[in-house]
Structures are given as structure tokens and as C-alpha cells.
PDB file of all heavy atoms in Angstrom:
ATOM      1  N   VAL A   1      82.436 -52.774   0.644  1.00  0.00           N
ATOM      2  CA  VAL A   1      83.214 -53.986   1.013  1.00  0.00           C
ATOM      3  C   VAL A   1      82.212 -55.090   1.265  1.00  0.00           C
ATOM      4  O   VAL A   1      81.294 -54.991   2.148  1.00  0.00           O
ATOM      5  CB  VAL A   1      84.072 -53.725   2.309  1.00  0.00           C
ATOM      6  CG1 VAL A   1      84.771 -55.040   2.730  1.00  0.00           C
ATOM      7  CG2 VAL A   1      85.134 -52.641   1.996  1.00  0.00           C
ATOM      8  N   CYS A   2      82.394 -56.197   0.567  1.00  0.00           N
ATOM      9  CA  CYS A   2      81.490 -57.345   0.685  1.00  0.00           C
ATOM     10  C   CYS A   2      82.263 -58.527   1.297  1.00  0.00           C
ATOM     11  O   CYS A   2      83.070 -59.135   0.601  1.00  0.00           O
ATOM     12  CB  CYS A   2      80.970 -57.766  -0.686  1.00  0.00           C
ATOM     13  SG  CYS A   2      80.281 -56.333  -1.654  1.00  0.00           S
ATOM     14  N   SER A   3      81.949 -58.808   2.562  1.00  0.00           N
ATOM     15  CA  SER A   3      82.758 -59.806   3.259  1.00  0.00           C
ATOM     16  C   SER A   3      81.910 -60.810   3.930  1.00  0.00           C
ATOM     17  O   SER A   3      80.728 -60.504   4.312  1.00  0.00           O
ATOM     18  CB  SER A   3      83.679 -59.116   4.288  1.00  0.00           C
ATOM     19  OG  SER A   3      84.539 -60.054   4.913  1.00  0.00           O
ATOM     20  N   GLY A   4      82.388 -62.021   4.136  1.00  0.00           N
ATOM     21  CA  GLY A   4      81.619 -63.012   4.838  1.00  0.00           C
ATOM     22  C   GLY A   4      82.199 -64.384   4.599  1.00  0.00           C
ATOM     23  O   GLY A   4      83.318 -64.547   4.275  1.00  0.00           O
ATOM     24  N   GLN A   5      81.339 -65.396   4.790  1.00  0.00           N
ATOM     25  CA  GLN A   5      81.766 -66.788   4.637  1.00  0.00           C
ATOM     26  C   GLN A   5      81.321 -67.328   3.332  1.00  0.00           C
ATOM     27  O   GLN A   5      81.277 -66.592   2.359  1.00  0.00           O
ATOM     28  CB  GLN A   5      81.276 -67.609   5.846  1.00  0.00           C
ATOM     29  CG  GLN A   5      81.863 -67.179   7.185  1.00  0.00           C
ATOM     30  CD  GLN A   5      81.420 -68.082   8.363  1.00  0.00           C
ATOM     31  OE1 GLN A   5      80.284 -68.578   8.357  1.00  0.00           O
ATOM     32  NE2 GLN A   5      82.291 -68.261   9.331  1.00  0.00           N
ATOM     33  N   SER A   6      80.931 -68.562   3.286  1.00  0.00           N
ATOM     34  CA  SER A   6      80.598 -69.258   2.014  1.00  0.00           C
ATOM     35  C   SER A   6      79.425 -68.644   1.312  1.00  0.00           C
ATOM     36  O   SER A   6      79.406 -68.562   0.072  1.00  0.00           O
ATOM     37  CB  SER A   6      80.382 -70.745   2.293  1.00  0.00           C
ATOM     38  OG  SER A   6      79.388 -70.938   3.231  1.00  0.00           O
ATOM     39  N   ASN A   7      78.416 -68.086   2.037  1.00  0.00           N
ATOM     40  CA  ASN A   7      77.263 -67.542   1.351  1.00  0.00           C
ATOM     41  C   ASN A   7      77.668 -66.295   0.556  1.00  0.00           C
ATOM     42  O   ASN A   7      77.122 -66.063  -0.530  1.00  0.00           O
ATOM     43  CB  ASN A   7      76.220 -67.163   2.351  1.00  0.00           C
ATOM     44  CG  ASN A   7      75.472 -68.366   2.912  1.00  0.00           C
ATOM     45  OD1 ASN A   7      75.552 -69.435   2.357  1.00  0.00           O
ATOM     46  ND2 ASN A   7      74.822 -68.216   4.025  1.00  0.00           N
ATOM     47  N   MET A   8      78.606 -65.501   1.100  1.00  0.00           N
ATOM     48  CA  MET A   8      79.087 -64.334   0.369  1.00  0.00           C
ATOM     49  C   MET A   8      80.052 -64.743  -0.727  1.00  0.00           C
ATOM     50  O   MET A   8      80.127 -64.085  -1.801  1.00  0.00           O
ATOM     51  CB  MET A   8      79.701 -63.329   1.312  1.00  0.00           C
ATOM     52  CG  MET A   8      80.217 -62.064   0.627  1.00  0.00           C
ATOM     53  SD  MET A   8      78.930 -61.087  -0.161  1.00  0.00           S
ATOM     54  CE  MET A   8      78.198 -60.288   1.288  1.00  0.00           C
ATOM     55  N   GLU A   9      80.776 -65.774  -0.475  1.00  0.00           N
ATOM     56  CA  GLU A   9      81.814 -66.268  -1.440  1.00  0.00           C
ATOM     57  C   GLU A   9      81.212 -66.884  -2.675  1.00  0.00           C
ATOM     58  O   GLU A   9      81.803 -66.962  -3.767  1.00  0.00           O
ATOM     59  CB  GLU A   9      82.741 -67.256  -0.708  1.00  0.00           C
ATOM     60  CG  GLU A   9      83.917 -67.637  -1.436  1.00  0.00           C
ATOM     61  CD  GLU A   9      84.751 -68.679  -0.616  1.00  0.00           C
ATOM     62  OE1 GLU A   9      84.144 -69.625  -0.070  1.00  0.00           O
ATOM     63  OE2 GLU A   9      85.924 -68.438  -0.409  1.00  0.00           O
ATOM     64  N   TRP A  10      80.051 -67.477  -2.549  1.00  0.00           N
ATOM     65  CA  TRP A  10      79.419 -68.269  -3.593  1.00  0.00           C
ATOM     66  C   TRP A  10      79.358 -67.489  -4.868  1.00  0.00           C
ATOM     67  O   TRP A  10      78.781 -66.415  -4.967  1.00  0.00           O
ATOM     68  CB  TRP A  10      77.986 -68.703  -3.168  1.00  0.00           C
ATOM     69  CG  TRP A  10      77.400 -69.773  -3.987  1.00  0.00           C
ATOM     70  CD1 TRP A  10      76.518 -69.592  -5.048  1.00  0.00           C
ATOM     71  CD2 TRP A  10      77.644 -71.191  -3.846  1.00  0.00           C
ATOM     72  NE1 TRP A  10      76.190 -70.831  -5.548  1.00  0.00           N
ATOM     73  CE2 TRP A  10      76.830 -71.827  -4.893  1.00  0.00           C
ATOM     74  CE3 TRP A  10      78.371 -71.947  -3.023  1.00  0.00           C
ATOM     75  CZ2 TRP A  10      76.822 -73.193  -5.035  1.00  0.00           C
ATOM     76  CZ3 TRP A  10      78.357 -73.338  -3.174  1.00  0.00           C
ATOM     77  CH2 TRP A  10      77.583 -73.952  -4.163  1.00  0.00           C
ATOM     78  N   PRO A  11      79.955 -68.066  -5.997  1.00  0.00           N
ATOM     79  CA  PRO A  11      80.068 -67.237  -7.232  1.00  0.00           C
ATOM     80  C   PRO A  11      78.789 -67.241  -8.062  1.00  0.00           C
ATOM     81  O   PRO A  11      77.941 -68.119  -7.953  1.00  0.00           O
ATOM     82  CB  PRO A  11      81.168 -68.012  -8.018  1.00  0.00           C
ATOM     83  CG  PRO A  11      81.058 -69.427  -7.533  1.00  0.00           C
ATOM     84  CD  PRO A  11      80.637 -69.322  -6.049  1.00  0.00           C
ATOM     85  N   LEU A  12      78.661 -66.178  -8.874  1.00  0.00           N
ATOM     86  CA  LEU A  12      77.493 -66.040  -9.708  1.00  0.00           C
ATOM     87  C   LEU A  12      77.292 -67.211 -10.644  1.00  0.00           C
ATOM     88  O   LEU A  12      76.138 -67.622 -10.957  1.00  0.00           O
ATOM     89  CB  LEU A  12      77.631 -64.735 -10.526  1.00  0.00           C
ATOM     90  CG  LEU A  12      76.479 -64.386 -11.424  1.00  0.00           C
ATOM     91  CD1 LEU A  12      75.177 -64.105 -10.622  1.00  0.00           C
ATOM     92  CD2 LEU A  12      76.763 -63.136 -12.263  1.00  0.00           C
ATOM     93  N   GLN A  13      78.340 -67.810 -11.155  1.00  0.00           N
ATOM     94  CA  GLN A  13      78.280 -68.958 -12.095  1.00  0.00           C
ATOM     95  C   GLN A  13      77.645 -70.189 -11.458  1.00  0.00           C
ATOM     96  O   GLN A  13      77.347 -71.126 -12.213  1.00  0.00           O
ATOM     97  CB  GLN A  13      79.631 -69.226 -12.666  1.00  0.00           C
ATOM     98  CG  GLN A  13      80.664 -69.687 -11.625  1.00  0.00           C
ATOM     99  CD  GLN A  13      82.066 -69.668 -12.187  1.00  0.00           C
ATOM    100  OE1 GLN A  13      82.289 -69.107 -13.273  1.00  0.00           O
ATOM    101  NE2 GLN A  13      83.031 -70.232 -11.467  1.00  0.00           N
ATOM    102  N   LYS A  14      77.429 -70.177 -10.176  1.00  0.00           N
ATOM    103  CA  LYS A  14      76.781 -71.361  -9.487  1.00  0.00           C
ATOM    104  C   LYS A  14      75.441 -70.974  -8.934  1.00  0.00           C
ATOM    105  O   LYS A  14      74.802 -71.759  -8.204  1.00  0.00           O
ATOM    106  CB  LYS A  14      77.735 -71.901  -8.383  1.00  0.00           C
ATOM    107  CG  LYS A  14      78.969 -72.568  -8.871  1.00  0.00           C
ATOM    108  CD  LYS A  14      79.758 -73.168  -7.718  1.00  0.00           C
ATOM    109  CE  LYS A  14      81.003 -73.838  -8.224  1.00  0.00           C
ATOM    110  NZ  LYS A  14      81.803 -74.475  -7.114  1.00  0.00           N
ATOM    111  N   ALA A  15      74.968 -69.737  -9.210  1.00  0.00           N
ATOM    112  CA  ALA A  15      73.662 -69.307  -8.704  1.00  0.00           C
ATOM    113  C   ALA A  15      72.535 -69.894  -9.521  1.00  0.00           C
ATOM    114  O   ALA A  15      72.711 -70.464 -10.625  1.00  0.00           O
ATOM    115  CB  ALA A  15      73.623 -67.795  -8.699  1.00  0.00           C
ATOM    116  N   LEU A  16      71.279 -69.746  -9.024  1.00  0.00           N
ATOM    117  CA  LEU A  16      70.144 -70.120  -9.794  1.00  0.00           C
ATOM    118  C   LEU A  16      70.049 -69.321 -11.108  1.00  0.00           C
ATOM    119  O   LEU A  16      70.394 -68.148 -11.134  1.00  0.00           O
ATOM    120  CB  LEU A  16      68.865 -69.927  -9.002  1.00  0.00           C
ATOM    121  CG  LEU A  16      68.703 -70.805  -7.693  1.00  0.00           C
ATOM    122  CD1 LEU A  16      67.447 -70.422  -6.941  1.00  0.00           C
ATOM    123  CD2 LEU A  16      68.660 -72.310  -8.104  1.00  0.00           C
ATOM    124  N   GLU A  17      69.552 -69.885 -12.148  1.00  0.00           N
ATOM    125  CA  GLU A  17      69.437 -69.255 -13.440  1.00  0.00           C
ATOM    126  C   GLU A  17      70.802 -68.667 -13.889  1.00  0.00           C
ATOM    127  O   GLU A  17      70.878 -67.659 -14.468  1.00  0.00           O
ATOM    128  CB  GLU A  17      68.406 -68.139 -13.411  1.00  0.00           C
ATOM    129  CG  GLU A  17      67.006 -68.574 -12.878  1.00  0.00           C
ATOM    130  CD  GLU A  17      66.377 -69.611 -13.742  1.00  0.00           C
ATOM    131  OE1 GLU A  17      66.704 -69.709 -14.926  1.00  0.00           O
ATOM    132  OE2 GLU A  17      65.484 -70.362 -13.211  1.00  0.00           O
ATOM    133  N   ARG A  18      71.902 -69.364 -13.534  1.00  0.00           N
ATOM    134  CA  ARG A  18      73.231 -68.837 -13.674  1.00  0.00           C
ATOM    135  C   ARG A  18      73.577 -68.495 -15.141  1.00  0.00           C
ATOM    136  O   ARG A  18      74.230 -67.511 -15.395  1.00  0.00           O
ATOM    137  CB  ARG A  18      74.254 -69.794 -13.113  1.00  0.00           C
ATOM    138  CG  ARG A  18      74.125 -71.242 -13.559  1.00  0.00           C
ATOM    139  CD  ARG A  18      75.077 -72.117 -12.748  1.00  0.00           C
ATOM    140  NE  ARG A  18      74.864 -73.533 -13.010  1.00  0.00           N
ATOM    141  CZ  ARG A  18      74.028 -74.286 -12.351  1.00  0.00           C
ATOM    142  NH1 ARG A  18      73.283 -73.765 -11.389  1.00  0.00           N
ATOM    143  NH2 ARG A  18      73.924 -75.527 -12.621  1.00  0.00           N
ATOM    144  N   ALA A  19      73.137 -69.318 -16.067  1.00  0.00           N
ATOM    145  CA  ALA A  19      73.530 -69.075 -17.477  1.00  0.00           C
ATOM    146  C   ALA A  19      73.046 -67.707 -17.934  1.00  0.00           C
ATOM    147  O   ALA A  19      73.767 -66.880 -18.509  1.00  0.00           O
ATOM    148  CB  ALA A  19      72.982 -70.186 -18.348  1.00  0.00           C
ATOM    149  N   ASP A  20      71.745 -67.451 -17.701  1.00  0.00           N
ATOM    150  CA  ASP A  20      71.186 -66.139 -18.143  1.00  0.00           C
ATOM    151  C   ASP A  20      71.795 -65.001 -17.312  1.00  0.00           C
ATOM    152  O   ASP A  20      72.132 -63.946 -17.894  1.00  0.00           O
ATOM    153  CB  ASP A  20      69.695 -66.086 -17.929  1.00  0.00           C
ATOM    154  CG  ASP A  20      68.987 -67.045 -18.940  1.00  0.00           C
ATOM    155  OD1 ASP A  20      69.562 -67.331 -19.948  1.00  0.00           O
ATOM    156  OD2 ASP A  20      67.851 -67.442 -18.621  1.00  0.00           O
ATOM    157  N   GLU A  21      71.982 -65.191 -16.026  1.00  0.00           N
ATOM    158  CA  GLU A  21      72.508 -64.120 -15.191  1.00  0.00           C
ATOM    159  C   GLU A  21      73.931 -63.765 -15.607  1.00  0.00           C
ATOM    160  O   GLU A  21      74.325 -62.592 -15.687  1.00  0.00           O
ATOM    161  CB  GLU A  21      72.467 -64.481 -13.697  1.00  0.00           C
ATOM    162  CG  GLU A  21      71.097 -64.639 -13.128  1.00  0.00           C
ATOM    163  CD  GLU A  21      70.410 -63.273 -12.994  1.00  0.00           C
ATOM    164  OE1 GLU A  21      71.017 -62.223 -13.322  1.00  0.00           O
ATOM    165  OE2 GLU A  21      69.224 -63.273 -12.589  1.00  0.00           O
ATOM    166  N   VAL A  22      74.773 -64.725 -15.838  1.00  0.00           N
ATOM    167  CA  VAL A  22      76.166 -64.471 -16.248  1.00  0.00           C
ATOM    168  C   VAL A  22      76.237 -63.800 -17.582  1.00  0.00           C
ATOM    169  O   VAL A  22      76.933 -62.829 -17.822  1.00  0.00           O
ATOM    170  CB  VAL A  22      77.004 -65.794 -16.234  1.00  0.00           C
ATOM    171  CG1 VAL A  22      78.344 -65.540 -16.863  1.00  0.00           C
ATOM    172  CG2 VAL A  22      77.158 -66.306 -14.838  1.00  0.00           C
ATOM    173  N   ASN A  23      75.433 -64.296 -18.558  1.00  0.00           N
ATOM    174  CA  ASN A  23      75.447 -63.688 -19.886  1.00  0.00           C
ATOM    175  C   ASN A  23      74.972 -62.250 -19.910  1.00  0.00           C
ATOM    176  O   ASN A  23      75.339 -61.448 -20.770  1.00  0.00           O
ATOM    177  CB  ASN A  23      74.595 -64.516 -20.814  1.00  0.00           C
ATOM    178  CG  ASN A  23      75.180 -65.904 -21.148  1.00  0.00           C
ATOM    179  OD1 ASN A  23      76.418 -66.070 -21.054  1.00  0.00           O
ATOM    180  ND2 ASN A  23      74.315 -66.888 -21.430  1.00  0.00           N
ATOM    181  N   LEU A  24      74.078 -61.909 -18.924  1.00  0.00           N
ATOM    182  CA  LEU A  24      73.507 -60.533 -18.899  1.00  0.00           C
ATOM    183  C   LEU A  24      74.332 -59.615 -17.971  1.00  0.00           C
ATOM    184  O   LEU A  24      73.975 -58.427 -17.832  1.00  0.00           O
ATOM    185  CB  LEU A  24      72.060 -60.586 -18.385  1.00  0.00           C
ATOM    186  CG  LEU A  24      71.101 -61.312 -19.374  1.00  0.00           C
ATOM    187  CD1 LEU A  24      69.704 -61.455 -18.672  1.00  0.00           C
ATOM    188  CD2 LEU A  24      70.933 -60.532 -20.648  1.00  0.00           C
ATOM    189  N   ALA A  25      75.391 -60.106 -17.373  1.00  0.00           N
ATOM    190  CA  ALA A  25      76.178 -59.294 -16.399  1.00  0.00           C
ATOM    191  C   ALA A  25      77.115 -58.350 -17.129  1.00  0.00           C
ATOM    192  O   ALA A  25      78.335 -58.461 -17.033  1.00  0.00           O
ATOM    193  CB  ALA A  25      76.911 -60.197 -15.476  1.00  0.00           C
ATOM    194  N   ASP A  26      76.550 -57.403 -17.860  1.00  0.00           N
ATOM    195  CA  ASP A  26      77.352 -56.468 -18.640  1.00  0.00           C
ATOM    196  C   ASP A  26      77.043 -55.061 -18.197  1.00  0.00           C
ATOM    197  O   ASP A  26      76.126 -54.393 -18.676  1.00  0.00           O
ATOM    198  CB  ASP A  26      77.049 -56.650 -20.127  1.00  0.00           C
ATOM    199  CG  ASP A  26      78.025 -55.837 -21.017  1.00  0.00           C
ATOM    200  OD1 ASP A  26      78.996 -55.294 -20.462  1.00  0.00           O
ATOM    201  OD2 ASP A  26      77.753 -55.740 -22.232  1.00  0.00           O
ATOM    202  N   TYR A  27      77.796 -54.573 -17.137  1.00  0.00           N
ATOM    203  CA  TYR A  27      77.550 -53.313 -16.585  1.00  0.00           C
ATOM    204  C   TYR A  27      78.908 -52.592 -16.459  1.00  0.00           C
ATOM    205  O   TYR A  27      79.597 -52.752 -15.500  1.00  0.00           O
ATOM    206  CB  TYR A  27      76.896 -53.433 -15.179  1.00  0.00           C
ATOM    207  CG  TYR A  27      75.498 -53.989 -15.244  1.00  0.00           C
ATOM    208  CD1 TYR A  27      75.284 -55.372 -15.128  1.00  0.00           C
ATOM    209  CD2 TYR A  27      74.403 -53.152 -15.361  1.00  0.00           C
ATOM    210  CE1 TYR A  27      74.018 -55.890 -15.204  1.00  0.00           C
ATOM    211  CE2 TYR A  27      73.121 -53.653 -15.412  1.00  0.00           C
ATOM    212  CZ  TYR A  27      72.939 -55.015 -15.277  1.00  0.00           C
ATOM    213  OH  TYR A  27      71.647 -55.499 -15.358  1.00  0.00           O
ATOM    214  N   PRO A  28      79.283 -51.825 -17.481  1.00  0.00           N
ATOM    215  CA  PRO A  28      80.595 -51.152 -17.491  1.00  0.00           C
ATOM    216  C   PRO A  28      80.895 -50.310 -16.266  1.00  0.00           C
ATOM    217  O   PRO A  28      82.082 -50.154 -15.903  1.00  0.00           O
ATOM    218  CB  PRO A  28      80.558 -50.303 -18.772  1.00  0.00           C
ATOM    219  CG  PRO A  28      79.476 -50.952 -19.625  1.00  0.00           C
ATOM    220  CD  PRO A  28      78.492 -51.455 -18.662  1.00  0.00           C
ATOM    221  N   ASN A  29      79.890 -49.755 -15.616  1.00  0.00           N
ATOM    222  CA  ASN A  29      80.121 -48.913 -14.474  1.00  0.00           C
ATOM    223  C   ASN A  29      79.938 -49.566 -13.112  1.00  0.00           C
ATOM    224  O   ASN A  29      79.873 -48.901 -12.068  1.00  0.00           O
ATOM    225  CB  ASN A  29      79.277 -47.646 -14.558  1.00  0.00           C
ATOM    226  CG  ASN A  29      79.811 -46.651 -15.575  1.00  0.00           C
ATOM    227  OD1 ASN A  29      81.016 -46.653 -15.943  1.00  0.00           O
ATOM    228  ND2 ASN A  29      78.947 -45.838 -16.144  1.00  0.00           N
ATOM    229  N   ILE A  30      79.826 -50.884 -13.188  1.00  0.00           N
ATOM    230  CA  ILE A  30      79.984 -51.723 -11.932  1.00  0.00           C
ATOM    231  C   ILE A  30      81.401 -52.290 -12.002  1.00  0.00           C
ATOM    232  O   ILE A  30      81.763 -52.924 -13.007  1.00  0.00           O
ATOM    233  CB  ILE A  30      78.941 -52.787 -11.783  1.00  0.00           C
ATOM    234  CG1 ILE A  30      77.578 -52.239 -11.659  1.00  0.00           C
ATOM    235  CG2 ILE A  30      79.253 -53.698 -10.583  1.00  0.00           C
ATOM    236  CD1 ILE A  30      76.442 -53.298 -11.561  1.00  0.00           C
ATOM    237  N   ARG A  31      82.201 -52.097 -11.001  1.00  0.00           N
ATOM    238  CA  ARG A  31      83.611 -52.505 -11.022  1.00  0.00           C
ATOM    239  C   ARG A  31      83.829 -53.546  -9.912  1.00  0.00           C
ATOM    240  O   ARG A  31      83.322 -53.398  -8.836  1.00  0.00           O
ATOM    241  CB  ARG A  31      84.617 -51.337 -10.843  1.00  0.00           C
ATOM    242  CG  ARG A  31      84.234 -50.140 -11.849  1.00  0.00           C
ATOM    243  CD  ARG A  31      84.429 -50.621 -13.311  1.00  0.00           C
ATOM    244  NE  ARG A  31      84.008 -49.639 -14.290  1.00  0.00           N
ATOM    245  CZ  ARG A  31      84.770 -48.612 -14.711  1.00  0.00           C
ATOM    246  NH1 ARG A  31      86.000 -48.409 -14.211  1.00  0.00           N
ATOM    247  NH2 ARG A  31      84.323 -47.790 -15.594  1.00  0.00           N
ATOM    248  N   LEU A  32      84.589 -54.572 -10.194  1.00  0.00           N
ATOM    249  CA  LEU A  32      84.776 -55.732  -9.303  1.00  0.00           C
ATOM    250  C   LEU A  32      86.212 -55.863  -8.865  1.00  0.00           C
ATOM    251  O   LEU A  32      87.165 -55.735  -9.727  1.00  0.00           O
ATOM    252  CB  LEU A  32      84.344 -57.017 -10.011  1.00  0.00           C
ATOM    253  CG  LEU A  32      83.040 -56.988 -10.740  1.00  0.00           C
ATOM    254  CD1 LEU A  32      82.787 -58.287 -11.466  1.00  0.00           C
ATOM    255  CD2 LEU A  32      81.852 -56.642  -9.736  1.00  0.00           C
ATOM    256  N   PHE A  33      86.382 -56.108  -7.572  1.00  0.00           N
ATOM    257  CA  PHE A  33      87.756 -56.285  -6.966  1.00  0.00           C
ATOM    258  C   PHE A  33      87.733 -57.406  -5.988  1.00  0.00           C
ATOM    259  O   PHE A  33      87.001 -57.357  -5.033  1.00  0.00           O
ATOM    260  CB  PHE A  33      88.172 -54.971  -6.277  1.00  0.00           C
ATOM    261  CG  PHE A  33      89.619 -54.936  -5.838  1.00  0.00           C
ATOM    262  CD1 PHE A  33      90.628 -54.448  -6.672  1.00  0.00           C
ATOM    263  CD2 PHE A  33      90.006 -55.405  -4.533  1.00  0.00           C
ATOM    264  CE1 PHE A  33      91.962 -54.378  -6.198  1.00  0.00           C
ATOM    265  CE2 PHE A  33      91.290 -55.325  -4.131  1.00  0.00           C
ATOM    266  CZ  PHE A  33      92.288 -54.854  -4.954  1.00  0.00           C
ATOM    267  N   THR A  34      88.432 -58.477  -6.301  1.00  0.00           N
ATOM    268  CA  THR A  34      88.462 -59.646  -5.427  1.00  0.00           C
ATOM    269  C   THR A  34      89.808 -59.725  -4.673  1.00  0.00           C
ATOM    270  O   THR A  34      90.865 -59.804  -5.281  1.00  0.00           O
ATOM    271  CB  THR A  34      88.263 -60.955  -6.230  1.00  0.00           C
ATOM    272  OG1 THR A  34      86.948 -60.899  -6.877  1.00  0.00           O
ATOM    273  CG2 THR A  34      88.257 -62.185  -5.314  1.00  0.00           C
ATOM    274  N   VAL A  35      89.737 -59.752  -3.344  1.00  0.00           N
ATOM    275  CA  VAL A  35      90.930 -59.869  -2.527  1.00  0.00           C
ATOM    276  C   VAL A  35      91.361 -61.337  -2.483  1.00  0.00           C
ATOM    277  O   VAL A  35      90.553 -62.178  -2.120  1.00  0.00           O
ATOM    278  CB  VAL A  35      90.656 -59.382  -1.095  1.00  0.00           C
ATOM    279  CG1 VAL A  35      91.911 -59.533  -0.255  1.00  0.00           C
ATOM    280  CG2 VAL A  35      90.231 -57.890  -1.152  1.00  0.00           C
ATOM    281  N   PRO A  36      92.587 -61.629  -2.868  1.00  0.00           N
ATOM    282  CA  PRO A  36      93.034 -63.083  -2.793  1.00  0.00           C
ATOM    283  C   PRO A  36      92.991 -63.617  -1.447  1.00  0.00           C
ATOM    284  O   PRO A  36      93.220 -62.919  -0.437  1.00  0.00           O
ATOM    285  CB  PRO A  36      94.520 -62.959  -3.334  1.00  0.00           C
ATOM    286  CG  PRO A  36      94.568 -61.681  -4.128  1.00  0.00           C
ATOM    287  CD  PRO A  36      93.623 -60.741  -3.382  1.00  0.00           C
ATOM    288  N   ARG A  37      92.667 -64.863  -1.314  1.00  0.00           N
ATOM    289  CA  ARG A  37      92.613 -65.552  -0.017  1.00  0.00           C
ATOM    290  C   ARG A  37      93.993 -66.000   0.393  1.00  0.00           C
ATOM    291  O   ARG A  37      94.501 -67.034  -0.046  1.00  0.00           O
ATOM    292  CB  ARG A  37      91.631 -66.748  -0.085  1.00  0.00           C
ATOM    293  CG  ARG A  37      90.239 -66.393  -0.485  1.00  0.00           C
ATOM    294  CD  ARG A  37      89.268 -67.469  -0.224  1.00  0.00           C
ATOM    295  NE  ARG A  37      89.756 -68.766  -0.678  1.00  0.00           N
ATOM    296  CZ  ARG A  37      89.096 -69.938  -0.504  1.00  0.00           C
ATOM    297  NH1 ARG A  37      88.000 -69.913   0.149  1.00  0.00           N
ATOM    298  NH2 ARG A  37      89.621 -71.049  -0.949  1.00  0.00           N
ATOM    299  N   THR A  38      94.622 -65.206   1.239  1.00  0.00           N
ATOM    300  CA  THR A  38      95.934 -65.491   1.698  1.00  0.00           C
ATOM    301  C   THR A  38      95.977 -65.284   3.252  1.00  0.00           C
ATOM    302  O   THR A  38      95.631 -64.275   3.757  1.00  0.00           O
ATOM    303  CB  THR A  38      97.013 -64.505   1.068  1.00  0.00           C
ATOM    304  OG1 THR A  38      96.912 -64.591  -0.313  1.00  0.00           O
ATOM    305  CG2 THR A  38      98.423 -64.871   1.543  1.00  0.00           C
TER     306      THR A  38
END
């Protein structure tokens, strides 16, 4: 469970070297689940 404020919320597409990092984020056995903010 990954929880926190803005530092944890900050998306990969806005990180440093984001273009390369996003393009290389191909890991079939890492699974992502985002809880909606309600």
C-alpha cells in the first residue's frame, strides 16, 4: 500500500527523465491499482 500526500501522488509522467522512464515502464508482473480520490 503506497499512501501519502503530494510527494507520493506525483505521477511518473512528471518525474525527471520522464520520457525515457515512461517508455521503459514495461513490467508485466508489476501490477498497479489506484484508489479513486473520493
